[in-house]
PDB file of N, CA and C in Angstrom:
ATOM      1  N   MET A   1    -140.982 134.766  75.478  1.00  0.00           N
ATOM      2  CA  MET A   1    -140.750 136.138  75.869  1.00  0.00           C
ATOM      3  C   MET A   1    -139.553 136.678  75.097  1.00  0.00           C
ATOM      4  N   ASN A   2    -139.614 137.912  74.728  1.00  0.00           N
ATOM      5  CA  ASN A   2    -138.546 138.578  73.994  1.00  0.00           C
ATOM      6  C   ASN A   2    -137.364 138.799  74.930  1.00  0.00           C
ATOM      7  N   GLY A   3    -136.207 138.230  74.633  1.00  0.00           N
ATOM      8  CA  GLY A   3    -135.020 138.343  75.475  1.00  0.00           C
ATOM      9  C   GLY A   3    -134.578 139.774  75.672  1.00  0.00           C
ATOM     10  N   LYS A   4    -134.672 140.593  74.632  1.00  0.00           N
ATOM     11  CA  LYS A   4    -134.251 141.988  74.751  1.00  0.00           C
ATOM     12  C   LYS A   4    -135.118 142.728  75.755  1.00  0.00           C
ATOM     13  N   ARG A   5    -136.407 142.508  75.731  1.00  0.00           N
ATOM     14  CA  ARG A   5    -137.319 143.175  76.662  1.00  0.00           C
ATOM     15  C   ARG A   5    -136.951 142.816  78.099  1.00  0.00           C
ATOM     16  N   ARG A   6    -136.636 141.562  78.347  1.00  0.00           N
ATOM     17  CA  ARG A   6    -136.264 141.131  79.701  1.00  0.00           C
ATOM     18  C   ARG A   6    -134.992 141.824  80.153  1.00  0.00           C
ATOM     19  N   GLU A   7    -134.036 142.017  79.259  1.00  0.00           N
ATOM     20  CA  GLU A   7    -132.798 142.708  79.620  1.00  0.00           C
ATOM     21  C   GLU A   7    -133.058 144.162  79.983  1.00  0.00           C
ATOM     22  N   GLU A   8    -134.031 144.784  79.336  1.00  0.00           N
ATOM     23  CA  GLU A   8    -134.335 146.179  79.633  1.00  0.00           C
ATOM     24  C   GLU A   8    -134.862 146.327  81.053  1.00  0.00           C
ATOM     25  N   ARG A   9    -135.651 145.396  81.510  1.00  0.00           N
ATOM     26  CA  ARG A   9    -136.269 145.486  82.825  1.00  0.00           C
ATOM     27  C   ARG A   9    -135.467 144.762  83.897  1.00  0.00           C
ATOM     28  N   GLY A  10    -134.689 143.774  83.518  1.00  0.00           N
ATOM     29  CA  GLY A  10    -133.868 143.072  84.486  1.00  0.00           C
ATOM     30  C   GLY A  10    -134.569 141.872  85.088  1.00  0.00           C
ATOM     31  N   PRO A  11    -133.935 141.292  86.117  1.00  0.00           N
ATOM     32  CA  PRO A  11    -134.458 140.084  86.744  1.00  0.00           C
ATOM     33  C   PRO A  11    -135.692 140.400  87.596  1.00  0.00           C
ATOM     34  N   ASP A  12    -136.281 139.347  88.130  1.00  0.00           N
ATOM     35  CA  ASP A  12    -137.459 139.523  88.972  1.00  0.00           C
ATOM     36  C   ASP A  12    -137.164 140.447  90.146  1.00  0.00           C
ATOM     37  N   THR A  13    -138.048 141.398  90.351  1.00  0.00           N
ATOM     38  CA  THR A  13    -137.962 142.321  91.478  1.00  0.00           C
ATOM     39  C   THR A  13    -139.359 142.503  92.055  1.00  0.00           C
ATOM     40  N   ILE A  14    -139.405 143.028  93.267  1.00  0.00           N
ATOM     41  CA  ILE A  14    -140.672 143.353  93.899  1.00  0.00           C
ATOM     42  C   ILE A  14    -140.985 144.802  93.561  1.00  0.00           C
ATOM     43  N   ARG A  15    -142.192 145.034  93.075  1.00  0.00           N
ATOM     44  CA  ARG A  15    -142.603 146.383  92.680  1.00  0.00           C
ATOM     45  C   ARG A  15    -143.813 146.819  93.495  1.00  0.00           C
ATOM     46  N   LEU A  16    -143.726 148.011  94.062  1.00  0.00           N
ATOM     47  CA  LEU A  16    -144.864 148.628  94.713  1.00  0.00           C
ATOM     48  C   LEU A  16    -145.839 149.085  93.639  1.00  0.00           C
ATOM     49  N   LEU A  17    -147.086 148.668  93.761  1.00  0.00           N
ATOM     50  CA  LEU A  17    -148.092 149.007  92.756  1.00  0.00           C
ATOM     51  C   LEU A  17    -148.760 150.341  93.088  1.00  0.00           C
ATOM     52  N   PRO A  18    -149.309 151.013  92.077  1.00  0.00           N
ATOM     53  CA  PRO A  18    -149.891 152.338  92.296  1.00  0.00           C
ATOM     54  C   PRO A  18    -151.312 152.316  92.859  1.00  0.00           C
ATOM     55  N   TRP A  19    -151.677 151.246  93.535  1.00  0.00           N
ATOM     56  CA  TRP A  19    -152.968 151.159  94.194  1.00  0.00           C
ATOM     57  C   TRP A  19    -152.766 150.420  95.501  1.00  0.00           C
ATOM     58  N   THR A  20    -153.768 150.494  96.363  1.00  0.00           N
ATOM     59  CA  THR A  20    -153.684 149.820  97.650  1.00  0.00           C
ATOM     60  C   THR A  20    -154.739 148.734  97.732  1.00  0.00           C
ATOM     61  N   GLY A  21    -154.547 147.868  98.699  1.00  0.00           N
ATOM     62  CA  GLY A  21    -155.485 146.787  98.933  1.00  0.00           C
ATOM     63  C   GLY A  21    -156.398 147.105 100.099  1.00  0.00           C
ATOM     64  N   PRO A  22    -156.998 146.058 100.659  1.00  0.00           N
ATOM     65  CA  PRO A  22    -157.878 146.253 101.813  1.00  0.00           C
ATOM     66  C   PRO A  22    -157.152 146.979 102.947  1.00  0.00           C
ATOM     67  N   GLU A  23    -157.884 147.805 103.647  1.00  0.00           N
ATOM     68  CA  GLU A  23    -157.350 148.580 104.766  1.00  0.00           C
ATOM     69  C   GLU A  23    -156.214 149.499 104.339  1.00  0.00           C
ATOM     70  N   ASP A  24    -156.221 149.892 103.076  1.00  0.00           N
ATOM     71  CA  ASP A  24    -155.234 150.830 102.520  1.00  0.00           C
ATOM     72  C   ASP A  24    -153.793 150.309 102.621  1.00  0.00           C
ATOM     73  N   LYS A  25    -153.642 148.978 102.601  1.00  0.00           N
ATOM     74  CA  LYS A  25    -152.306 148.377 102.675  1.00  0.00           C
ATOM     75  C   LYS A  25    -151.674 148.345 101.288  1.00  0.00           C
ATOM     76  N   PRO A  26    -150.340 148.489 101.204  1.00  0.00           N
ATOM     77  CA  PRO A  26    -149.673 148.490  99.899  1.00  0.00           C
ATOM     78  C   PRO A  26    -149.812 147.148  99.184  1.00  0.00           C
ATOM     79  N   CYS A  27    -149.811 147.207  97.866  1.00  0.00           N
ATOM     80  CA  CYS A  27    -149.846 146.014  97.019  1.00  0.00           C
ATOM     81  C   CYS A  27    -148.532 145.934  96.250  1.00  0.00           C
ATOM     82  N   TYR A  28    -148.067 144.728  96.028  1.00  0.00           N
ATOM     83  CA  TYR A  28    -146.812 144.498  95.331  1.00  0.00           C
ATOM     84  C   TYR A  28    -147.002 143.425  94.265  1.00  0.00           C
ATOM     85  N   VAL A  29    -146.094 143.435  93.286  1.00  0.00           N
ATOM     86  CA  VAL A  29    -146.035 142.362  92.308  1.00  0.00           C
ATOM     87  C   VAL A  29    -144.573 141.946  92.197  1.00  0.00           C
ATOM     88  N   LEU A  30    -144.358 140.656  92.039  1.00  0.00           N
ATOM     89  CA  LEU A  30    -143.020 140.114  91.827  1.00  0.00           C
ATOM     90  C   LEU A  30    -142.918 139.717  90.365  1.00  0.00           C
ATOM     91  N   GLY A  31    -141.917 140.231  89.679  1.00  0.00           N
ATOM     92  CA  GLY A  31    -141.749 139.877  88.278  1.00  0.00           C
ATOM     93  C   GLY A  31    -140.629 140.655  87.637  1.00  0.00           C
ATOM     94  N   ASP A  32    -140.522 140.485  86.325  1.00  0.00           N
ATOM     95  CA  ASP A  32    -139.453 141.148  85.584  1.00  0.00           C
ATOM     96  C   ASP A  32    -139.919 142.441  84.934  1.00  0.00           C
ATOM     97  N   GLY A  33    -141.164 142.840  85.192  1.00  0.00           N
ATOM     98  CA  GLY A  33    -141.686 144.088  84.638  1.00  0.00           C
ATOM     99  C   GLY A  33    -142.386 143.933  83.305  1.00  0.00           C
ATOM    100  N   ASN A  34    -142.491 142.710  82.804  1.00  0.00           N
ATOM    101  CA  ASN A  34    -143.098 142.480  81.497  1.00  0.00           C
ATOM    102  C   ASN A  34    -144.506 141.908  81.570  1.00  0.00           C
ATOM    103  N   GLY A  35    -144.968 141.556  82.755  1.00  0.00           N
ATOM    104  CA  GLY A  35    -146.257 140.895  82.896  1.00  0.00           C
ATOM    105  C   GLY A  35    -147.440 141.841  82.809  1.00  0.00           C
ATOM    106  N   TYR A  36    -148.612 141.247  82.791  1.00  0.00           N
ATOM    107  CA  TYR A  36    -149.859 141.987  82.670  1.00  0.00           C
ATOM    108  C   TYR A  36    -150.021 143.014  83.797  1.00  0.00           C
ATOM    109  N   VAL A  37    -149.774 142.593  85.047  1.00  0.00           N
ATOM    110  CA  VAL A  37    -149.956 143.496  86.187  1.00  0.00           C
ATOM    111  C   VAL A  37    -148.964 144.651  86.115  1.00  0.00           C
ATOM    112  N   SER A  38    -147.735 144.382  85.720  1.00  0.00           N
ATOM    113  CA  SER A  38    -146.737 145.452  85.593  1.00  0.00           C
ATOM    114  C   SER A  38    -147.126 146.450  84.507  1.00  0.00           C
ATOM    115  N   ARG A  39    -147.628 145.954  83.390  1.00  0.00           N
ATOM    116  CA  ARG A  39    -148.063 146.857  82.316  1.00  0.00           C
ATOM    117  C   ARG A  39    -149.270 147.674  82.742  1.00  0.00           C
ATOM    118  N   MET A  40    -150.197 147.052  83.481  1.00  0.00           N
ATOM    119  CA  MET A  40    -151.348 147.778  83.990  1.00  0.00           C
ATOM    120  C   MET A  40    -150.890 148.860  84.979  1.00  0.00           C
ATOM    121  N   ALA A  41    -149.930 148.522  85.822  1.00  0.00           N
ATOM    122  CA  ALA A  41    -149.395 149.505  86.774  1.00  0.00           C
ATOM    123  C   ALA A  41    -148.739 150.673  86.041  1.00  0.00           C
ATOM    124  N   ASP A  42    -147.999 150.380  84.970  1.00  0.00           N
ATOM    125  CA  ASP A  42    -147.392 151.453  84.163  1.00  0.00           C
ATOM    126  C   ASP A  42    -148.471 152.392  83.621  1.00  0.00           C
ATOM    127  N   ASP A  43    -149.549 151.816  83.109  1.00  0.00           N
ATOM    128  CA  ASP A  43    -150.643 152.617  82.560  1.00  0.00           C
ATOM    129  C   ASP A  43    -151.306 153.474  83.640  1.00  0.00           C
ATOM    130  N   ILE A  44    -151.548 152.890  84.799  1.00  0.00           N
ATOM    131  CA  ILE A  44    -152.195 153.629  85.881  1.00  0.00           C
ATOM    132  C   ILE A  44    -151.286 154.741  86.390  1.00  0.00           C
ATOM    133  N   GLU A  45    -149.986 154.463  86.519  1.00  0.00           N
ATOM    134  CA  GLU A  45    -149.049 155.519  86.923  1.00  0.00           C
ATOM    135  C   GLU A  45    -149.091 156.683  85.944  1.00  0.00           C
ATOM    136  N   SER A  46    -149.135 156.383  84.676  1.00  0.00           N
ATOM    137  CA  SER A  46    -149.188 157.424  83.657  1.00  0.00           C
ATOM    138  C   SER A  46    -150.458 158.266  83.805  1.00  0.00           C
ATOM    139  N   ILE A  47    -151.577 157.602  84.039  1.00  0.00           N
ATOM    140  CA  ILE A  47    -152.842 158.302  84.240  1.00  0.00           C
ATOM    141  C   ILE A  47    -152.771 159.173  85.492  1.00  0.00           C
ATOM    142  N   GLN A  48    -152.219 158.623  86.569  1.00  0.00           N
ATOM    143  CA  GLN A  48    -152.113 159.387  87.809  1.00  0.00           C
ATOM    144  C   GLN A  48    -151.240 160.633  87.629  1.00  0.00           C
ATOM    145  N   LEU A  49    -150.147 160.496  86.910  1.00  0.00           N
ATOM    146  CA  LEU A  49    -149.275 161.653  86.667  1.00  0.00           C
ATOM    147  C   LEU A  49    -149.987 162.703  85.813  1.00  0.00           C
ATOM    148  N   ASP A  50    -150.701 162.266  84.789  1.00  0.00           N
ATOM    149  CA  ASP A  50    -151.455 163.201  83.945  1.00  0.00           C
ATOM    150  C   ASP A  50    -152.538 163.918  84.755  1.00  0.00           C
ATOM    151  N   MET A  51    -153.237 163.165  85.583  1.00  0.00           N
ATOM    152  CA  MET A  51    -154.295 163.762  86.394  1.00  0.00           C
ATOM    153  C   MET A  51    -153.726 164.763  87.399  1.00  0.00           C
ATOM    154  N   ALA A  52    -152.561 164.479  87.951  1.00  0.00           N
ATOM    155  CA  ALA A  52    -151.925 165.416  88.886  1.00  0.00           C
ATOM    156  C   ALA A  52    -151.594 166.721  88.172  1.00  0.00           C
ATOM    157  N   GLY A  53    -151.109 166.632  86.956  1.00  0.00           N
ATOM    158  CA  GLY A  53    -150.819 167.837  86.179  1.00  0.00           C
ATOM    159  C   GLY A  53    -152.077 168.644  85.904  1.00  0.00           C
ATOM    160  N   ASP A  54    -153.148 167.959  85.539  1.00  0.00           N
ATOM    161  CA  ASP A  54    -154.428 168.639  85.310  1.00  0.00           C
ATOM    162  C   ASP A  54    -154.932 169.304  86.594  1.00  0.00           C
ATOM    163  N   LEU A  55    -154.798 168.615  87.702  1.00  0.00           N
ATOM    164  CA  LEU A  55    -155.253 169.144  88.985  1.00  0.00           C
ATOM    165  C   LEU A  55    -154.450 170.379  89.384  1.00  0.00           C
ATOM    166  N   LEU A  56    -153.161 170.359  89.136  1.00  0.00           N
ATOM    167  CA  LEU A  56    -152.342 171.542  89.431  1.00  0.00           C
ATOM    168  C   LEU A  56    -152.793 172.745  88.610  1.00  0.00           C
ATOM    169  N   GLY A  57    -153.116 172.514  87.360  1.00  0.00           N
ATOM    170  CA  GLY A  57    -153.628 173.596  86.520  1.00  0.00           C
ATOM    171  C   GLY A  57    -154.938 174.141  87.049  1.00  0.00           C
ATOM    172  N   HIS A  58    -155.818 173.239  87.472  1.00  0.00           N
ATOM    173  CA  HIS A  58    -157.096 173.648  88.041  1.00  0.00           C
ATOM    174  C   HIS A  58    -156.870 174.422  89.342  1.00  0.00           C
ATOM    175  N   ALA A  59    -155.948 173.956  90.163  1.00  0.00           N
ATOM    176  CA  ALA A  59    -155.658 174.623  91.436  1.00  0.00           C
ATOM    177  C   ALA A  59    -155.166 176.046  91.204  1.00  0.00           C
ATOM    178  N   ALA A  60    -154.287 176.228  90.243  1.00  0.00           N
ATOM    179  CA  ALA A  60    -153.764 177.565  89.958  1.00  0.00           C
ATOM    180  C   ALA A  60    -154.894 178.507  89.570  1.00  0.00           C
ATOM    181  N   GLY A  61    -155.804 178.043  88.736  1.00  0.00           N
ATOM    182  CA  GLY A  61    -156.935 178.871  88.329  1.00  0.00           C
ATOM    183  C   GLY A  61    -157.864 179.184  89.480  1.00  0.00           C
ATOM    184  N   LEU A  62    -158.133 178.169  90.302  1.00  0.00           N
ATOM    185  CA  LEU A  62    -159.042 178.371  91.433  1.00  0.00           C
ATOM    186  C   LEU A  62    -158.433 179.325  92.458  1.00  0.00           C
ATOM    187  N   LEU A  63    -157.162 179.186  92.740  1.00  0.00           N
ATOM    188  CA  LEU A  63    -156.513 180.048  93.727  1.00  0.00           C
ATOM    189  C   LEU A  63    -156.362 181.488  93.241  1.00  0.00           C
ATOM    190  N   ALA A  64    -156.360 181.682  91.939  1.00  0.00           N
ATOM    191  CA  ALA A  64    -156.273 183.032  91.393  1.00  0.00           C
ATOM    192  C   ALA A  64    -157.613 183.759  91.496  1.00  0.00           C
ATOM    193  N   ASP A  65    -158.689 183.015  91.686  1.00  0.00           N
ATOM    194  CA  ASP A  65    -160.034 183.593  91.790  1.00  0.00           C
ATOM    195  C   ASP A  65    -160.260 184.077  93.221  1.00  0.00           C
ATOM    196  N   ARG A  66    -160.402 185.370  93.391  1.00  0.00           N
ATOM    197  CA  ARG A  66    -160.585 185.954  94.724  1.00  0.00           C
ATOM    198  C   ARG A  66    -161.973 185.671  95.315  1.00  0.00           C
ATOM    199  N   LYS A  67    -162.889 185.144  94.509  1.00  0.00           N
ATOM    200  CA  LYS A  67    -164.243 184.875  94.979  1.00  0.00           C
ATOM    201  C   LYS A  67    -164.453 183.411  95.344  1.00  0.00           C
ATOM    202  N   VAL A  68    -163.384 182.649  95.420  1.00  0.00           N
ATOM    203  CA  VAL A  68    -163.483 181.227  95.719  1.00  0.00           C
ATOM    204  C   VAL A  68    -163.985 181.039  97.157  1.00  0.00           C
ATOM    205  N   THR A  69    -164.811 180.032  97.353  1.00  0.00           N
ATOM    206  CA  THR A  69    -165.398 179.787  98.677  1.00  0.00           C
ATOM    207  C   THR A  69    -164.526 178.821  99.489  1.00  0.00           C
ATOM    208  N   GLY A  70    -164.765 178.804 100.768  1.00  0.00           N
ATOM    209  CA  GLY A  70    -164.068 177.868 101.650  1.00  0.00           C
ATOM    210  C   GLY A  70    -164.337 176.424 101.268  1.00  0.00           C
ATOM    211  N   ALA A  71    -165.560 176.145 100.858  1.00  0.00           N
ATOM    212  CA  ALA A  71    -165.916 174.779 100.448  1.00  0.00           C
ATOM    213  C   ALA A  71    -165.129 174.370  99.203  1.00  0.00           C
ATOM    214  N   GLU A  72    -164.948 175.311  98.278  1.00  0.00           N
ATOM    215  CA  GLU A  72    -164.172 175.009  97.065  1.00  0.00           C
ATOM    216  C   GLU A  72    -162.702 174.766  97.406  1.00  0.00           C
ATOM    217  N   ILE A  73    -162.170 175.562  98.319  1.00  0.00           N
ATOM    218  CA  ILE A  73    -160.773 175.368  98.749  1.00  0.00           C
ATOM    219  C   ILE A  73    -160.630 174.021  99.463  1.00  0.00           C
ATOM    220  N   HIS A  74    -161.597 173.678 100.297  1.00  0.00           N
ATOM    221  CA  HIS A  74    -161.559 172.388 100.995  1.00  0.00           C
ATOM    222  C   HIS A  74    -161.588 171.230  99.996  1.00  0.00           C
ATOM    223  N   PHE A  75    -162.459 171.327  99.013  1.00  0.00           N
ATOM    224  CA  PHE A  75    -162.548 170.287  97.989  1.00  0.00           C
ATOM    225  C   PHE A  75    -161.222 170.175  97.229  1.00  0.00           C
ATOM    226  N   LEU A  76    -160.660 171.322  96.861  1.00  0.00           N
ATOM    227  CA  LEU A  76    -159.377 171.326  96.160  1.00  0.00           C
ATOM    228  C   LEU A  76    -158.284 170.694  97.018  1.00  0.00           C
ATOM    229  N   ALA A  77    -158.229 171.065  98.292  1.00  0.00           N
ATOM    230  CA  ALA A  77    -157.211 170.501  99.185  1.00  0.00           C
ATOM    231  C   ALA A  77    -157.364 168.986  99.311  1.00  0.00           C
ATOM    232  N   SER A  78    -158.600 168.516  99.355  1.00  0.00           N
ATOM    233  CA  SER A  78    -158.842 167.065  99.432  1.00  0.00           C
ATOM    234  C   SER A  78    -158.331 166.358  98.183  1.00  0.00           C
ATOM    235  N   ARG A  79    -158.637 166.908  97.002  1.00  0.00           N
ATOM    236  CA  ARG A  79    -158.180 166.289  95.747  1.00  0.00           C
ATOM    237  C   ARG A  79    -156.653 166.359  95.627  1.00  0.00           C
ATOM    238  N   LEU A  80    -156.060 167.485  96.037  1.00  0.00           N
ATOM    239  CA  LEU A  80    -154.598 167.611  95.984  1.00  0.00           C
ATOM    240  C   LEU A  80    -153.934 166.599  96.920  1.00  0.00           C
ATOM    241  N   THR A  81    -154.533 166.379  98.081  1.00  0.00           N
ATOM    242  CA  THR A  81    -153.997 165.396  99.026  1.00  0.00           C
ATOM    243  C   THR A  81    -154.046 163.998  98.435  1.00  0.00           C
ATOM    244  N   GLU A  82    -155.164 163.643  97.826  1.00  0.00           N
ATOM    245  CA  GLU A  82    -155.280 162.329  97.176  1.00  0.00           C
ATOM    246  C   GLU A  82    -154.239 162.177  96.078  1.00  0.00           C
ATOM    247  N   SER A  83    -154.097 163.203  95.273  1.00  0.00           N
ATOM    248  CA  SER A  83    -153.153 163.153  94.166  1.00  0.00           C
ATOM    249  C   SER A  83    -151.715 163.046  94.669  1.00  0.00           C
ATOM    250  N   LEU A  84    -151.390 163.827  95.691  1.00  0.00           N
ATOM    251  CA  LEU A  84    -150.036 163.782  96.247  1.00  0.00           C
ATOM    252  C   LEU A  84    -149.722 162.394  96.811  1.00  0.00           C
ATOM    253  N   ARG A  85    -150.699 161.765  97.447  1.00  0.00           N
ATOM    254  CA  ARG A  85    -150.513 160.407  97.975  1.00  0.00           C
ATOM    255  C   ARG A  85    -150.207 159.435  96.829  1.00  0.00           C
ATOM    256  N   GLU A  86    -150.939 159.556  95.720  1.00  0.00           N
ATOM    257  CA  GLU A  86    -150.718 158.682  94.565  1.00  0.00           C
ATOM    258  C   GLU A  86    -149.344 158.918  93.951  1.00  0.00           C
ATOM    259  N   ILE A  87    -148.980 160.179  93.780  1.00  0.00           N
ATOM    260  CA  ILE A  87    -147.705 160.512  93.145  1.00  0.00           C
ATOM    261  C   ILE A  87    -146.540 160.111  94.041  1.00  0.00           C
ATOM    262  N   LYS A  88    -146.709 160.221  95.344  1.00  0.00           N
ATOM    263  CA  LYS A  88    -145.669 159.765  96.284  1.00  0.00           C
ATOM    264  C   LYS A  88    -145.450 158.263  96.116  1.00  0.00           C
ATOM    265  N   ARG A  89    -146.535 157.506  95.972  1.00  0.00           N
ATOM    266  CA  ARG A  89    -146.423 156.053  95.783  1.00  0.00           C
ATOM    267  C   ARG A  89    -145.706 155.743  94.466  1.00  0.00           C
ATOM    268  N   VAL A  90    -146.012 156.491  93.407  1.00  0.00           N
ATOM    269  CA  VAL A  90    -145.327 156.303  92.121  1.00  0.00           C
ATOM    270  C   VAL A  90    -143.834 156.572  92.288  1.00  0.00           C
ATOM    271  N   ALA A  91    -143.501 157.663  92.971  1.00  0.00           N
ATOM    272  CA  ALA A  91    -142.091 158.010  93.169  1.00  0.00           C
ATOM    273  C   ALA A  91    -141.365 156.941  93.994  1.00  0.00           C
ATOM    274  N   GLU A  92    -141.999 156.448  95.037  1.00  0.00           N
ATOM    275  CA  GLU A  92    -141.392 155.392  95.849  1.00  0.00           C
ATOM    276  C   GLU A  92    -141.163 154.132  95.023  1.00  0.00           C
ATOM    277  N   SER A  93    -142.153 153.771  94.217  1.00  0.00           N
ATOM    278  CA  SER A  93    -142.044 152.574  93.390  1.00  0.00           C
ATOM    279  C   SER A  93    -140.910 152.720  92.375  1.00  0.00           C
ATOM    280  N   ARG A  94    -140.885 153.848  91.696  1.00  0.00           N
ATOM    281  CA  ARG A  94    -139.849 154.062  90.679  1.00  0.00           C
ATOM    282  C   ARG A  94    -138.473 154.187  91.315  1.00  0.00           C
ATOM    283  N   GLY A  95    -138.394 154.840  92.453  1.00  0.00           N
ATOM    284  CA  GLY A  95    -137.113 154.954  93.147  1.00  0.00           C
ATOM    285  C   GLY A  95    -136.575 153.602  93.585  1.00  0.00           C
ATOM    286  N   ALA A  96    -137.450 152.752  94.071  1.00  0.00           N
ATOM    287  CA  ALA A  96    -137.039 151.409  94.488  1.00  0.00           C
ATOM    288  C   ALA A  96    -136.538 150.608  93.294  1.00  0.00           C
ATOM    289  N   ARG A  97    -137.218 150.763  92.152  1.00  0.00           N
ATOM    290  CA  ARG A  97    -136.787 150.022  90.959  1.00  0.00           C
ATOM    291  C   ARG A  97    -135.462 150.553  90.433  1.00  0.00           C
ATOM    292  N   LEU A  98    -135.239 151.850  90.541  1.00  0.00           N
ATOM    293  CA  LEU A  98    -133.939 152.407  90.139  1.00  0.00           C
ATOM    294  C   LEU A  98    -132.834 151.888  91.036  1.00  0.00           C
ATOM    295  N   GLY A  99    -133.109 151.833  92.339  1.00  0.00           N
ATOM    296  CA  GLY A  99    -132.127 151.312  93.286  1.00  0.00           C
ATOM    297  C   GLY A  99    -131.808 149.856  93.021  1.00  0.00           C
ATOM    298  N   ALA A 100    -132.829 149.071  92.685  1.00  0.00           N
ATOM    299  CA  ALA A 100    -132.610 147.658  92.381  1.00  0.00           C
ATOM    300  C   ALA A 100    -131.769 147.504  91.119  1.00  0.00           C
ATOM    301  N   ALA A 101    -131.974 148.379  90.149  1.00  0.00           N
ATOM    302  CA  ALA A 101    -131.202 148.309  88.908  1.00  0.00           C
ATOM    303  C   ALA A 101    -129.736 148.634  89.172  1.00  0.00           C
ATOM    304  N   GLU A 102    -129.482 149.566  90.070  1.00  0.00           N
ATOM    305  CA  GLU A 102    -128.095 149.930  90.385  1.00  0.00           C
ATOM    306  C   GLU A 102    -127.385 148.809  91.129  1.00  0.00           C
ATOM    307  N   LEU A 103    -128.118 147.992  91.878  1.00  0.00           N
ATOM    308  CA  LEU A 103    -127.526 146.895  92.636  1.00  0.00           C
ATOM    309  C   LEU A 103    -127.270 145.662  91.784  1.00  0.00           C
ATOM    310  N   ASP A 104    -127.868 145.595  90.600  1.00  0.00           N
ATOM    311  CA  ASP A 104    -127.741 144.436  89.722  1.00  0.00           C
ATOM    312  C   ASP A 104    -126.486 144.593  88.870  1.00  0.00           C
ATOM    313  N   PRO A 105    -125.418 143.832  89.129  1.00  0.00           N
ATOM    314  CA  PRO A 105    -124.170 143.996  88.377  1.00  0.00           C
ATOM    315  C   PRO A 105    -124.319 143.647  86.894  1.00  0.00           C
ATOM    316  N   ASP A 106    -125.231 142.730  86.558  1.00  0.00           N
ATOM    317  CA  ASP A 106    -125.423 142.349  85.159  1.00  0.00           C
ATOM    318  C   ASP A 106    -126.133 143.433  84.357  1.00  0.00           C
ATOM    319  N   ARG A 107    -126.876 144.274  85.024  1.00  0.00           N
ATOM    320  CA  ARG A 107    -127.665 145.299  84.355  1.00  0.00           C
ATOM    321  C   ARG A 107    -126.784 146.365  83.715  1.00  0.00           C
ATOM    322  N   ASN A 108    -125.641 146.651  84.275  1.00  0.00           N
ATOM    323  CA  ASN A 108    -124.781 147.734  83.794  1.00  0.00           C
ATOM    324  C   ASN A 108    -123.686 147.259  82.834  1.00  0.00           C
ATOM    325  N   ARG A 109    -123.724 145.984  82.492  1.00  0.00           N
ATOM    326  CA  ARG A 109    -122.712 145.465  81.564  1.00  0.00           C
ATOM    327  C   ARG A 109    -123.084 145.785  80.130  1.00  0.00           C
ATOM    328  N   PRO A 110    -122.096 146.045  79.289  1.00  0.00           N
ATOM    329  CA  PRO A 110    -122.382 146.319  77.863  1.00  0.00           C
ATOM    330  C   PRO A 110    -122.866 145.098  77.131  1.00  0.00           C
TER     331      PRO A 110
END
């Protein structure tokens, strides 16, 4: 493993993953952020953020249309709710990792 890469991510930490398991329970990975699952999680988070941006653009267009139906608004609200749930999980995961980095005294050394 590349020593520099490990220093960028720090020691092993628990990471909330951007997907859930059975019964909608949270999934976690323990590692230094360089493993296959961590890289896959990074990719999925990126996709989720991009999709949320696309959905917001679609929502703005749909809400500007005065002829939109109740069914279309319901569908939009459902997709926005799903997206918000995903983005909240990304924010929680990233916030936890930032907090862990601040607690690691070796991480802030030159």
